[in-house]
Amino acid sequence: MDYLIDLLKILHFIGLAFVLGGAIIQGRPKPPRERRALNKGVLHGTYLMLISGVLLVGIYETYADSPELNHIKIGVKTLVLVAIWAIAFFHRKRVPVPGWVLGSIAGLSVVNIVLAVMW
């Protein structure tokens, strides 16, 4: 069971890397001809984070030796992730992507990291 938990944590971090990395990489200045829609990795990373996070919570709830979970923290982190998903989903086809979209996605990703580590 520990291997499954470790695998899900790794997948969760990979999803975070897709979201934060995709927003940062796309935020570089480009010539006007090369502007394109939002990187698909951002949206797919939110799906990966949500699925792996839900599975982790489910395993921790059913696993006998698991520590007690802070459900408020999990709820707040899920709300931040849903906000990232909503911004990415509703702006996925706009060309060029507004600058606030990439900044918001990157900022909310950092907020999610801070919540995970500091709370």
PDB file of N, CA and C in Angstrom:
ATOM      1  N   MET A   1       0.814  -1.186   0.000  1.00  0.00           N
ATOM      2  CA  MET A   1       0.000   0.000   0.000  1.00  0.00           C
ATOM      3  C   MET A   1       0.866   1.262   0.000  1.00  0.00           C
ATOM      4  N   ASP A   2       2.012   1.183   0.650  1.00  0.00           N
ATOM      5  CA  ASP A   2       2.903   2.340   0.698  1.00  0.00           C
ATOM      6  C   ASP A   2       3.418   2.709  -0.689  1.00  0.00           C
ATOM      7  N   TYR A   3       3.636   1.710  -1.539  1.00  0.00           N
ATOM      8  CA  TYR A   3       4.097   1.997  -2.894  1.00  0.00           C
ATOM      9  C   TYR A   3       3.032   2.732  -3.689  1.00  0.00           C
ATOM     10  N   LEU A   4       1.779   2.360  -3.492  1.00  0.00           N
ATOM     11  CA  LEU A   4       0.681   3.034  -4.186  1.00  0.00           C
ATOM     12  C   LEU A   4       0.572   4.487  -3.725  1.00  0.00           C
ATOM     13  N   ILE A   5       0.710   4.707  -2.426  1.00  0.00           N
ATOM     14  CA  ILE A   5       0.665   6.065  -1.904  1.00  0.00           C
ATOM     15  C   ILE A   5       1.813   6.891  -2.469  1.00  0.00           C
ATOM     16  N   ASP A   6       3.010   6.306  -2.495  1.00  0.00           N
ATOM     17  CA  ASP A   6       4.160   7.025  -3.056  1.00  0.00           C
ATOM     18  C   ASP A   6       3.962   7.324  -4.536  1.00  0.00           C
ATOM     19  N   LEU A   7       3.415   6.374  -5.283  1.00  0.00           N
ATOM     20  CA  LEU A   7       3.151   6.584  -6.702  1.00  0.00           C
ATOM     21  C   LEU A   7       2.141   7.720  -6.912  1.00  0.00           C
ATOM     22  N   LEU A   8       1.094   7.749  -6.101  1.00  0.00           N
ATOM     23  CA  LEU A   8       0.090   8.810  -6.232  1.00  0.00           C
ATOM     24  C   LEU A   8       0.665  10.174  -5.861  1.00  0.00           C
ATOM     25  N   LYS A   9       1.546  10.211  -4.860  1.00  0.00           N
ATOM     26  CA  LYS A   9       2.200  11.477  -4.514  1.00  0.00           C
ATOM     27  C   LYS A   9       3.074  11.961  -5.668  1.00  0.00           C
ATOM     28  N   ILE A  10       3.797  11.041  -6.290  1.00  0.00           N
ATOM     29  CA  ILE A  10       4.641  11.401  -7.431  1.00  0.00           C
ATOM     30  C   ILE A  10       3.779  11.938  -8.574  1.00  0.00           C
ATOM     31  N   LEU A  11       2.671  11.274  -8.861  1.00  0.00           N
ATOM     32  CA  LEU A  11       1.773  11.748  -9.920  1.00  0.00           C
ATOM     33  C   LEU A  11       1.188  13.118  -9.574  1.00  0.00           C
ATOM     34  N   HIS A  12       0.902  13.339  -8.302  1.00  0.00           N
ATOM     35  CA  HIS A  12       0.377  14.637  -7.867  1.00  0.00           C
ATOM     36  C   HIS A  12       1.413  15.736  -8.120  1.00  0.00           C
ATOM     37  N   PHE A  13       2.667  15.454  -7.796  1.00  0.00           N
ATOM     38  CA  PHE A  13       3.735  16.438  -8.029  1.00  0.00           C
ATOM     39  C   PHE A  13       3.994  16.652  -9.519  1.00  0.00           C
ATOM     40  N   ILE A  14       3.866  15.596 -10.308  1.00  0.00           N
ATOM     41  CA  ILE A  14       4.027  15.747 -11.754  1.00  0.00           C
ATOM     42  C   ILE A  14       2.921  16.646 -12.312  1.00  0.00           C
ATOM     43  N   GLY A  15       1.695  16.464 -11.839  1.00  0.00           N
ATOM     44  CA  GLY A  15       0.602  17.344 -12.260  1.00  0.00           C
ATOM     45  C   GLY A  15       0.862  18.787 -11.877  1.00  0.00           C
ATOM     46  N   LEU A  16       1.407  18.996 -10.684  1.00  0.00           N
ATOM     47  CA  LEU A  16       1.761  20.348 -10.262  1.00  0.00           C
ATOM     48  C   LEU A  16       2.835  20.935 -11.163  1.00  0.00           C
ATOM     49  N   ALA A  17       3.802  20.112 -11.548  1.00  0.00           N
ATOM     50  CA  ALA A  17       4.861  20.582 -12.444  1.00  0.00           C
ATOM     51  C   ALA A  17       4.288  20.982 -13.807  1.00  0.00           C
ATOM     52  N   PHE A  18       3.313  20.227 -14.295  1.00  0.00           N
ATOM     53  CA  PHE A  18       2.664  20.584 -15.556  1.00  0.00           C
ATOM     54  C   PHE A  18       1.964  21.932 -15.444  1.00  0.00           C
ATOM     55  N   VAL A  19       1.249  22.140 -14.353  1.00  0.00           N
ATOM     56  CA  VAL A  19       0.483  23.379 -14.194  1.00  0.00           C
ATOM     57  C   VAL A  19       1.419  24.574 -14.051  1.00  0.00           C
ATOM     58  N   LEU A  20       2.319  24.515 -13.095  1.00  0.00           N
ATOM     59  CA  LEU A  20       3.200  25.650 -12.833  1.00  0.00           C
ATOM     60  C   LEU A  20       4.195  25.850 -13.977  1.00  0.00           C
ATOM     61  N   GLY A  21       4.784  24.775 -14.454  1.00  0.00           N
ATOM     62  CA  GLY A  21       5.747  24.882 -15.552  1.00  0.00           C
ATOM     63  C   GLY A  21       5.111  25.376 -16.834  1.00  0.00           C
ATOM     64  N   GLY A  22       3.913  24.895 -17.130  1.00  0.00           N
ATOM     65  CA  GLY A  22       3.226  25.344 -18.338  1.00  0.00           C
ATOM     66  C   GLY A  22       2.899  26.824 -18.300  1.00  0.00           C
ATOM     67  N   ALA A  23       2.494  27.306 -17.132  1.00  0.00           N
ATOM     68  CA  ALA A  23       2.179  28.734 -17.013  1.00  0.00           C
ATOM     69  C   ALA A  23       3.440  29.584 -17.099  1.00  0.00           C
ATOM     70  N   ILE A  24       4.511  29.134 -16.495  1.00  0.00           N
ATOM     71  CA  ILE A  24       5.753  29.915 -16.519  1.00  0.00           C
ATOM     72  C   ILE A  24       6.362  29.927 -17.917  1.00  0.00           C
ATOM     73  N   ILE A  25       6.427  28.772 -18.563  1.00  0.00           N
ATOM     74  CA  ILE A  25       7.026  28.690 -19.896  1.00  0.00           C
ATOM     75  C   ILE A  25       6.234  29.516 -20.901  1.00  0.00           C
ATOM     76  N   GLN A  26       4.927  29.470 -20.815  1.00  0.00           N
ATOM     77  CA  GLN A  26       4.125  30.212 -21.781  1.00  0.00           C
ATOM     78  C   GLN A  26       4.148  31.710 -21.507  1.00  0.00           C
ATOM     79  N   GLY A  27       4.540  32.104 -20.304  1.00  0.00           N
ATOM     80  CA  GLY A  27       4.577  33.515 -19.960  1.00  0.00           C
ATOM     81  C   GLY A  27       5.740  34.275 -20.557  1.00  0.00           C
ATOM     82  N   ARG A  28       6.700  33.568 -21.178  1.00  0.00           N
ATOM     83  CA  ARG A  28       7.838  34.266 -21.800  1.00  0.00           C
ATOM     84  C   ARG A  28       7.332  35.128 -22.946  1.00  0.00           C
ATOM     85  N   PRO A  29       7.971  36.256 -23.178  1.00  0.00           N
ATOM     86  CA  PRO A  29       7.562  37.081 -24.317  1.00  0.00           C
ATOM     87  C   PRO A  29       7.860  36.384 -25.651  1.00  0.00           C
ATOM     88  N   LYS A  30       6.907  36.462 -26.563  1.00  0.00           N
ATOM     89  CA  LYS A  30       7.048  35.846 -27.882  1.00  0.00           C
ATOM     90  C   LYS A  30       6.764  36.895 -28.953  1.00  0.00           C
ATOM     91  N   PRO A  31       7.278  36.670 -30.133  1.00  0.00           N
ATOM     92  CA  PRO A  31       6.890  37.543 -31.248  1.00  0.00           C
ATOM     93  C   PRO A  31       5.387  37.402 -31.511  1.00  0.00           C
ATOM     94  N   PRO A  32       4.746  38.433 -32.021  1.00  0.00           N
ATOM     95  CA  PRO A  32       3.292  38.384 -32.213  1.00  0.00           C
ATOM     96  C   PRO A  32       2.811  37.227 -33.083  1.00  0.00           C
ATOM     97  N   ARG A  33       3.609  36.769 -34.036  1.00  0.00           N
ATOM     98  CA  ARG A  33       3.161  35.674 -34.903  1.00  0.00           C
ATOM     99  C   ARG A  33       3.103  34.349 -34.166  1.00  0.00           C
ATOM    100  N   GLU A  34       3.874  34.189 -33.110  1.00  0.00           N
ATOM    101  CA  GLU A  34       3.965  32.898 -32.425  1.00  0.00           C
ATOM    102  C   GLU A  34       3.039  32.773 -31.228  1.00  0.00           C
ATOM    103  N   ARG A  35       2.175  33.714 -30.999  1.00  0.00           N
ATOM    104  CA  ARG A  35       1.273  33.608 -29.862  1.00  0.00           C
ATOM    105  C   ARG A  35       0.253  32.527 -30.138  1.00  0.00           C
ATOM    106  N   ARG A  36      -0.036  31.756 -29.120  1.00  0.00           N
ATOM    107  CA  ARG A  36      -0.960  30.635 -29.300  1.00  0.00           C
ATOM    108  C   ARG A  36      -1.836  30.472 -28.062  1.00  0.00           C
ATOM    109  N   ALA A  37      -2.731  29.497 -28.128  1.00  0.00           N
ATOM    110  CA  ALA A  37      -3.660  29.243 -27.024  1.00  0.00           C
ATOM    111  C   ALA A  37      -2.901  28.680 -25.815  1.00  0.00           C
ATOM    112  N   LEU A  38      -3.594  28.560 -24.714  1.00  0.00           N
ATOM    113  CA  LEU A  38      -3.005  28.080 -23.472  1.00  0.00           C
ATOM    114  C   LEU A  38      -2.444  26.672 -23.652  1.00  0.00           C
ATOM    115  N   ASN A  39      -1.301  26.447 -23.049  1.00  0.00           N
ATOM    116  CA  ASN A  39      -0.648  25.148 -23.094  1.00  0.00           C
ATOM    117  C   ASN A  39      -1.594  24.077 -22.532  1.00  0.00           C
ATOM    118  N   LYS A  40      -1.790  22.993 -23.266  1.00  0.00           N
ATOM    119  CA  LYS A  40      -2.710  21.937 -22.833  1.00  0.00           C
ATOM    120  C   LYS A  40      -2.233  21.229 -21.571  1.00  0.00           C
ATOM    121  N   GLY A  41      -0.945  21.291 -21.313  1.00  0.00           N
ATOM    122  CA  GLY A  41      -0.403  20.657 -20.115  1.00  0.00           C
ATOM    123  C   GLY A  41      -0.948  21.262 -18.833  1.00  0.00           C
ATOM    124  N   VAL A  42      -1.312  22.532 -18.876  1.00  0.00           N
ATOM    125  CA  VAL A  42      -1.863  23.185 -17.684  1.00  0.00           C
ATOM    126  C   VAL A  42      -3.186  22.536 -17.311  1.00  0.00           C
ATOM    127  N   LEU A  43      -4.056  22.383 -18.268  1.00  0.00           N
ATOM    128  CA  LEU A  43      -5.366  21.790 -18.000  1.00  0.00           C
ATOM    129  C   LEU A  43      -5.231  20.315 -17.637  1.00  0.00           C
ATOM    130  N   HIS A  44      -4.386  19.593 -18.342  1.00  0.00           N
ATOM    131  CA  HIS A  44      -4.194  18.170 -18.042  1.00  0.00           C
ATOM    132  C   HIS A  44      -3.538  17.976 -16.677  1.00  0.00           C
ATOM    133  N   GLY A  45      -2.671  18.903 -16.296  1.00  0.00           N
ATOM    134  CA  GLY A  45      -2.048  18.831 -14.978  1.00  0.00           C
ATOM    135  C   GLY A  45      -3.066  19.002 -13.859  1.00  0.00           C
ATOM    136  N   THR A  46      -4.063  19.871 -14.075  1.00  0.00           N
ATOM    137  CA  THR A  46      -5.097  20.024 -13.051  1.00  0.00           C
ATOM    138  C   THR A  46      -5.913  18.747 -12.910  1.00  0.00           C
ATOM    139  N   TYR A  47      -6.195  18.084 -14.024  1.00  0.00           N
ATOM    140  CA  TYR A  47      -6.910  16.806 -13.943  1.00  0.00           C
ATOM    141  C   TYR A  47      -6.087  15.770 -13.177  1.00  0.00           C
ATOM    142  N   LEU A  48      -4.790  15.696 -13.490  1.00  0.00           N
ATOM    143  CA  LEU A  48      -3.920  14.731 -12.816  1.00  0.00           C
ATOM    144  C   LEU A  48      -3.832  15.026 -11.319  1.00  0.00           C
ATOM    145  N   MET A  49      -3.717  16.305 -10.968  1.00  0.00           N
ATOM    146  CA  MET A  49      -3.666  16.667  -9.548  1.00  0.00           C
ATOM    147  C   MET A  49      -4.968  16.317  -8.836  1.00  0.00           C
ATOM    148  N   LEU A  50      -6.097  16.577  -9.468  1.00  0.00           N
ATOM    149  CA  LEU A  50      -7.383  16.305  -8.839  1.00  0.00           C
ATOM    150  C   LEU A  50      -7.593  14.807  -8.639  1.00  0.00           C
ATOM    151  N   ILE A  51      -7.330  14.021  -9.669  1.00  0.00           N
ATOM    152  CA  ILE A  51      -7.542  12.573  -9.572  1.00  0.00           C
ATOM    153  C   ILE A  51      -6.601  11.951  -8.545  1.00  0.00           C
ATOM    154  N   SER A  52      -5.316  12.301  -8.605  1.00  0.00           N
ATOM    155  CA  SER A  52      -4.370  11.714  -7.656  1.00  0.00           C
ATOM    156  C   SER A  52      -4.652  12.194  -6.236  1.00  0.00           C
ATOM    157  N   GLY A  53      -5.067  13.442  -6.062  1.00  0.00           N
ATOM    158  CA  GLY A  53      -5.405  13.945  -4.732  1.00  0.00           C
ATOM    159  C   GLY A  53      -6.612  13.245  -4.136  1.00  0.00           C
ATOM    160  N   VAL A  54      -7.646  13.040  -4.940  1.00  0.00           N
ATOM    161  CA  VAL A  54      -8.842  12.341  -4.454  1.00  0.00           C
ATOM    162  C   VAL A  54      -8.498  10.900  -4.090  1.00  0.00           C
ATOM    163  N   LEU A  55      -7.689  10.245  -4.912  1.00  0.00           N
ATOM    164  CA  LEU A  55      -7.285   8.877  -4.597  1.00  0.00           C
ATOM    165  C   LEU A  55      -6.435   8.819  -3.325  1.00  0.00           C
ATOM    166  N   LEU A  56      -5.555   9.781  -3.132  1.00  0.00           N
ATOM    167  CA  LEU A  56      -4.750   9.821  -1.910  1.00  0.00           C
ATOM    168  C   LEU A  56      -5.628   9.983  -0.675  1.00  0.00           C
ATOM    169  N   VAL A  57      -6.591  10.887  -0.732  1.00  0.00           N
ATOM    170  CA  VAL A  57      -7.484  11.078   0.407  1.00  0.00           C
ATOM    171  C   VAL A  57      -8.289   9.805   0.659  1.00  0.00           C
ATOM    172  N   GLY A  58      -8.768   9.177  -0.389  1.00  0.00           N
ATOM    173  CA  GLY A  58      -9.519   7.935  -0.222  1.00  0.00           C
ATOM    174  C   GLY A  58      -8.693   6.827   0.403  1.00  0.00           C
ATOM    175  N   ILE A  59      -7.443   6.699  -0.015  1.00  0.00           N
ATOM    176  CA  ILE A  59      -6.582   5.668   0.552  1.00  0.00           C
ATOM    177  C   ILE A  59      -6.255   5.986   2.005  1.00  0.00           C
ATOM    178  N   TYR A  60      -5.944   7.251   2.295  1.00  0.00           N
ATOM    179  CA  TYR A  60      -5.635   7.619   3.679  1.00  0.00           C
ATOM    180  C   TYR A  60      -6.846   7.436   4.595  1.00  0.00           C
ATOM    181  N   GLU A  61      -8.041   7.638   4.088  1.00  0.00           N
ATOM    182  CA  GLU A  61      -9.235   7.452   4.908  1.00  0.00           C
ATOM    183  C   GLU A  61      -9.493   5.977   5.218  1.00  0.00           C
ATOM    184  N   THR A  62      -9.138   5.091   4.307  1.00  0.00           N
ATOM    185  CA  THR A  62      -9.430   3.679   4.513  1.00  0.00           C
ATOM    186  C   THR A  62      -8.259   2.890   5.091  1.00  0.00           C
ATOM    187  N   TYR A  63      -7.061   3.442   5.024  1.00  0.00           N
ATOM    188  CA  TYR A  63      -5.868   2.760   5.491  1.00  0.00           C
ATOM    189  C   TYR A  63      -5.791   2.889   7.006  1.00  0.00           C
ATOM    190  N   ALA A  64      -5.606   1.781   7.718  1.00  0.00           N
ATOM    191  CA  ALA A  64      -5.692   1.761   9.182  1.00  0.00           C
ATOM    192  C   ALA A  64      -4.580   2.565   9.857  1.00  0.00           C
ATOM    193  N   ASP A  65      -3.358   2.509   9.341  1.00  0.00           N
ATOM    194  CA  ASP A  65      -2.228   3.153   9.995  1.00  0.00           C
ATOM    195  C   ASP A  65      -1.970   4.576   9.503  1.00  0.00           C
ATOM    196  N   SER A  66      -2.902   5.171   8.800  1.00  0.00           N
ATOM    197  CA  SER A  66      -2.661   6.501   8.233  1.00  0.00           C
ATOM    198  C   SER A  66      -2.891   7.581   9.285  1.00  0.00           C
ATOM    199  N   PRO A  67      -2.208   8.710   9.130  1.00  0.00           N
ATOM    200  CA  PRO A  67      -2.439   9.816  10.072  1.00  0.00           C
ATOM    201  C   PRO A  67      -3.810  10.443   9.829  1.00  0.00           C
ATOM    202  N   GLU A  68      -4.291  11.144  10.838  1.00  0.00           N
ATOM    203  CA  GLU A  68      -5.583  11.807  10.700  1.00  0.00           C
ATOM    204  C   GLU A  68      -5.459  12.976   9.729  1.00  0.00           C
ATOM    205  N   LEU A  69      -6.420  13.095   8.833  1.00  0.00           N
ATOM    206  CA  LEU A  69      -6.372  14.123   7.794  1.00  0.00           C
ATOM    207  C   LEU A  69      -7.028  15.411   8.262  1.00  0.00           C
ATOM    208  N   ASN A  70      -6.522  16.531   7.767  1.00  0.00           N
ATOM    209  CA  ASN A  70      -7.112  17.842   8.006  1.00  0.00           C
ATOM    210  C   ASN A  70      -8.035  18.134   6.824  1.00  0.00           C
ATOM    211  N   HIS A  71      -9.310  17.904   7.015  1.00  0.00           N
ATOM    212  CA  HIS A  71     -10.263  18.029   5.911  1.00  0.00           C
ATOM    213  C   HIS A  71     -10.462  19.475   5.475  1.00  0.00           C
ATOM    214  N   ILE A  72     -10.277  20.420   6.370  1.00  0.00           N
ATOM    215  CA  ILE A  72     -10.397  21.826   5.980  1.00  0.00           C
ATOM    216  C   ILE A  72      -9.263  22.181   5.023  1.00  0.00           C
ATOM    217  N   LYS A  73      -8.056  21.727   5.332  1.00  0.00           N
ATOM    218  CA  LYS A  73      -6.902  21.977   4.458  1.00  0.00           C
ATOM    219  C   LYS A  73      -7.133  21.344   3.086  1.00  0.00           C
ATOM    220  N   ILE A  74      -7.625  20.127   3.067  1.00  0.00           N
ATOM    221  CA  ILE A  74      -7.886  19.438   1.805  1.00  0.00           C
ATOM    222  C   ILE A  74      -8.951  20.185   1.006  1.00  0.00           C
ATOM    223  N   GLY A  75      -9.980  20.684   1.693  1.00  0.00           N
ATOM    224  CA  GLY A  75     -11.028  21.439   1.016  1.00  0.00           C
ATOM    225  C   GLY A  75     -10.519  22.743   0.423  1.00  0.00           C
ATOM    226  N   VAL A  76      -9.678  23.460   1.174  1.00  0.00           N
ATOM    227  CA  VAL A  76      -9.133  24.723   0.670  1.00  0.00           C
ATOM    228  C   VAL A  76      -8.218  24.461  -0.523  1.00  0.00           C
ATOM    229  N   LYS A  77      -7.367  23.435  -0.426  1.00  0.00           N
ATOM    230  CA  LYS A  77      -6.487  23.100  -1.547  1.00  0.00           C
ATOM    231  C   LYS A  77      -7.299  22.688  -2.774  1.00  0.00           C
ATOM    232  N   THR A  78      -8.401  21.979  -2.562  1.00  0.00           N
ATOM    233  CA  THR A  78      -9.258  21.589  -3.682  1.00  0.00           C
ATOM    234  C   THR A  78      -9.919  22.812  -4.315  1.00  0.00           C
ATOM    235  N   LEU A  79     -10.342  23.772  -3.496  1.00  0.00           N
ATOM    236  CA  LEU A  79     -10.925  25.003  -4.046  1.00  0.00           C
ATOM    237  C   LEU A  79      -9.906  25.789  -4.869  1.00  0.00           C
ATOM    238  N   VAL A  80      -8.667  25.851  -4.404  1.00  0.00           N
ATOM    239  CA  VAL A  80      -7.625  26.532  -5.170  1.00  0.00           C
ATOM    240  C   VAL A  80      -7.405  25.810  -6.497  1.00  0.00           C
ATOM    241  N   LEU A  81      -7.382  24.476  -6.457  1.00  0.00           N
ATOM    242  CA  LEU A  81      -7.197  23.694  -7.684  1.00  0.00           C
ATOM    243  C   LEU A  81      -8.366  23.887  -8.642  1.00  0.00           C
ATOM    244  N   VAL A  82      -9.576  23.957  -8.119  1.00  0.00           N
ATOM    245  CA  VAL A  82     -10.748  24.183  -8.977  1.00  0.00           C
ATOM    246  C   VAL A  82     -10.679  25.582  -9.591  1.00  0.00           C
ATOM    247  N   ALA A  83     -10.173  26.564  -8.854  1.00  0.00           N
ATOM    248  CA  ALA A  83     -10.002  27.905  -9.413  1.00  0.00           C
ATOM    249  C   ALA A  83      -8.980  27.885 -10.548  1.00  0.00           C
ATOM    250  N   ILE A  84      -7.882  27.155 -10.359  1.00  0.00           N
ATOM    251  CA  ILE A  84      -6.888  27.021 -11.435  1.00  0.00           C
ATOM    252  C   ILE A  84      -7.524  26.364 -12.652  1.00  0.00           C
ATOM    253  N   TRP A  85      -8.286  25.290 -12.412  1.00  0.00           N
ATOM    254  CA  TRP A  85      -8.928  24.579 -13.518  1.00  0.00           C
ATOM    255  C   TRP A  85      -9.895  25.502 -14.253  1.00  0.00           C
ATOM    256  N   ALA A  86     -10.700  26.276 -13.516  1.00  0.00           N
ATOM    257  CA  ALA A  86     -11.695  27.144 -14.150  1.00  0.00           C
ATOM    258  C   ALA A  86     -11.019  28.207 -15.015  1.00  0.00           C
ATOM    259  N   ILE A  87      -9.951  28.811 -14.504  1.00  0.00           N
ATOM    260  CA  ILE A  87      -9.243  29.819 -15.292  1.00  0.00           C
ATOM    261  C   ILE A  87      -8.671  29.184 -16.556  1.00  0.00           C
ATOM    262  N   ALA A  88      -8.053  28.008 -16.411  1.00  0.00           N
ATOM    263  CA  ALA A  88      -7.451  27.338 -17.569  1.00  0.00           C
ATOM    264  C   ALA A  88      -8.521  26.879 -18.560  1.00  0.00           C
ATOM    265  N   PHE A  89      -9.624  26.353 -18.047  1.00  0.00           N
ATOM    266  CA  PHE A  89     -10.660  25.807 -18.925  1.00  0.00           C
ATOM    267  C   PHE A  89     -11.336  26.899 -19.748  1.00  0.00           C
ATOM    268  N   PHE A  90     -11.658  28.008 -19.126  1.00  0.00           N
ATOM    269  CA  PHE A  90     -12.391  29.057 -19.829  1.00  0.00           C
ATOM    270  C   PHE A  90     -11.505  29.935 -20.704  1.00  0.00           C
ATOM    271  N   HIS A  91     -10.192  29.796 -20.585  1.00  0.00           N
ATOM    272  CA  HIS A  91      -9.278  30.578 -21.424  1.00  0.00           C
ATOM    273  C   HIS A  91      -8.385  29.690 -22.288  1.00  0.00           C
ATOM    274  N   ARG A  92      -8.743  28.429 -22.447  1.00  0.00           N
ATOM    275  CA  ARG A  92      -7.876  27.484 -23.153  1.00  0.00           C
ATOM    276  C   ARG A  92      -7.787  27.748 -24.649  1.00  0.00           C
ATOM    277  N   LYS A  93      -8.772  28.419 -25.224  1.00  0.00           N
ATOM    278  CA  LYS A  93      -8.764  28.627 -26.675  1.00  0.00           C
ATOM    279  C   LYS A  93      -8.565  30.082 -27.080  1.00  0.00           C
ATOM    280  N   ARG A  94      -8.413  30.965 -26.123  1.00  0.00           N
ATOM    281  CA  ARG A  94      -8.212  32.384 -26.462  1.00  0.00           C
ATOM    282  C   ARG A  94      -6.796  32.609 -26.944  1.00  0.00           C
ATOM    283  N   VAL A  95      -6.707  33.309 -28.064  1.00  0.00           N
ATOM    284  CA  VAL A  95      -5.391  33.627 -28.630  1.00  0.00           C
ATOM    285  C   VAL A  95      -5.320  35.123 -28.814  1.00  0.00           C
ATOM    286  N   PRO A  96      -4.352  35.804 -28.286  1.00  0.00           N
ATOM    287  CA  PRO A  96      -3.357  35.323 -27.327  1.00  0.00           C
ATOM    288  C   PRO A  96      -3.966  35.214 -25.934  1.00  0.00           C
ATOM    289  N   VAL A  97      -3.319  34.446 -25.097  1.00  0.00           N
ATOM    290  CA  VAL A  97      -3.777  34.271 -23.716  1.00  0.00           C
ATOM    291  C   VAL A  97      -3.530  35.577 -22.959  1.00  0.00           C
ATOM    292  N   PRO A  98      -4.550  36.108 -22.276  1.00  0.00           N
ATOM    293  CA  PRO A  98      -4.324  37.334 -21.496  1.00  0.00           C
ATOM    294  C   PRO A  98      -3.237  37.116 -20.436  1.00  0.00           C
ATOM    295  N   GLY A  99      -2.474  38.138 -20.171  1.00  0.00           N
ATOM    296  CA  GLY A  99      -1.368  38.018 -19.226  1.00  0.00           C
ATOM    297  C   GLY A  99      -1.801  37.670 -17.816  1.00  0.00           C
ATOM    298  N   TRP A 100      -2.973  38.149 -17.397  1.00  0.00           N
ATOM    299  CA  TRP A 100      -3.427  37.864 -16.036  1.00  0.00           C
ATOM    300  C   TRP A 100      -3.738  36.388 -15.845  1.00  0.00           C
ATOM    301  N   VAL A 101      -4.094  35.686 -16.926  1.00  0.00           N
ATOM    302  CA  VAL A 101      -4.424  34.265 -16.825  1.00  0.00           C
ATOM    303  C   VAL A 101      -3.193  33.469 -16.399  1.00  0.00           C
ATOM    304  N   LEU A 102      -2.085  33.703 -17.091  1.00  0.00           N
ATOM    305  CA  LEU A 102      -0.866  32.962 -16.759  1.00  0.00           C
ATOM    306  C   LEU A 102      -0.352  33.336 -15.378  1.00  0.00           C
ATOM    307  N   GLY A 103      -0.424  34.609 -15.027  1.00  0.00           N
ATOM    308  CA  GLY A 103      -0.009  35.029 -13.697  1.00  0.00           C
ATOM    309  C   GLY A 103      -0.882  34.447 -12.598  1.00  0.00           C
ATOM    310  N   SER A 104      -2.175  34.383 -12.852  1.00  0.00           N
ATOM    311  CA  SER A 104      -3.097  33.820 -11.865  1.00  0.00           C
ATOM    312  C   SER A 104      -2.865  32.329 -11.676  1.00  0.00           C
ATOM    313  N   ILE A 105      -2.663  31.615 -12.774  1.00  0.00           N
ATOM    314  CA  ILE A 105      -2.411  30.176 -12.677  1.00  0.00           C
ATOM    315  C   ILE A 105      -1.118  29.911 -11.912  1.00  0.00           C
ATOM    316  N   ALA A 106      -0.065  30.640 -12.247  1.00  0.00           N
ATOM    317  CA  ALA A 106       1.210  30.456 -11.545  1.00  0.00           C
ATOM    318  C   ALA A 106       1.083  30.845 -10.073  1.00  0.00           C
ATOM    319  N   GLY A 107       0.424  31.956  -9.797  1.00  0.00           N
ATOM    320  CA  GLY A 107       0.264  32.402  -8.415  1.00  0.00           C
ATOM    321  C   GLY A 107      -0.564  31.446  -7.577  1.00  0.00           C
ATOM    322  N   LEU A 108      -1.671  30.964  -8.134  1.00  0.00           N
ATOM    323  CA  LEU A 108      -2.500  30.007  -7.404  1.00  0.00           C
ATOM    324  C   LEU A 108      -1.779  28.671  -7.203  1.00  0.00           C
ATOM    325  N   SER A 109      -0.930  28.294  -8.141  1.00  0.00           N
ATOM    326  CA  SER A 109      -0.128  27.077  -7.961  1.00  0.00           C
ATOM    327  C   SER A 109       0.832  27.235  -6.792  1.00  0.00           C
ATOM    328  N   VAL A 110       1.441  28.395  -6.692  1.00  0.00           N
ATOM    329  CA  VAL A 110       2.345  28.653  -5.565  1.00  0.00           C
ATOM    330  C   VAL A 110       1.556  28.691  -4.257  1.00  0.00           C
ATOM    331  N   VAL A 111       0.361  29.265  -4.273  1.00  0.00           N
ATOM    332  CA  VAL A 111      -0.491  29.255  -3.079  1.00  0.00           C
ATOM    333  C   VAL A 111      -0.797  27.825  -2.661  1.00  0.00           C
ATOM    334  N   ASN A 112      -1.081  26.963  -3.618  1.00  0.00           N
ATOM    335  CA  ASN A 112      -1.358  25.569  -3.323  1.00  0.00           C
ATOM    336  C   ASN A 112      -0.147  24.879  -2.689  1.00  0.00           C
ATOM    337  N   ILE A 113       1.037  25.194  -3.172  1.00  0.00           N
ATOM    338  CA  ILE A 113       2.260  24.637  -2.591  1.00  0.00           C
ATOM    339  C   ILE A 113       2.446  25.137  -1.169  1.00  0.00           C
ATOM    340  N   VAL A 114       2.239  26.431  -0.963  1.00  0.00           N
ATOM    341  CA  VAL A 114       2.403  27.011   0.375  1.00  0.00           C
ATOM    342  C   VAL A 114       1.395  26.403   1.351  1.00  0.00           C
ATOM    343  N   LEU A 115       0.166  26.205   0.915  1.00  0.00           N
ATOM    344  CA  LEU A 115      -0.837  25.569   1.777  1.00  0.00           C
ATOM    345  C   LEU A 115      -0.418  24.147   2.138  1.00  0.00           C
ATOM    346  N   ALA A 116       0.122  23.419   1.187  1.00  0.00           N
ATOM    347  CA  ALA A 116       0.522  22.037   1.450  1.00  0.00           C
ATOM    348  C   ALA A 116       1.672  21.959   2.447  1.00  0.00           C
ATOM    349  N   VAL A 117       2.607  22.889   2.343  1.00  0.00           N
ATOM    350  CA  VAL A 117       3.810  22.817   3.173  1.00  0.00           C
ATOM    351  C   VAL A 117       3.620  23.486   4.524  1.00  0.00           C
ATOM    352  N   MET A 118       3.019  24.670   4.538  1.00  0.00           N
ATOM    353  CA  MET A 118       2.983  25.473   5.763  1.00  0.00           C
ATOM    354  C   MET A 118       1.791  25.164   6.681  1.00  0.00           C
ATOM    355  N   TRP A 119       0.710  24.621   6.167  1.00  0.00           N
ATOM    356  CA  TRP A 119      -0.478  24.415   6.991  1.00  0.00           C
ATOM    357  C   TRP A 119      -0.434  23.066   7.608  1.00  0.00           C
TER     358      TRP A 119
END
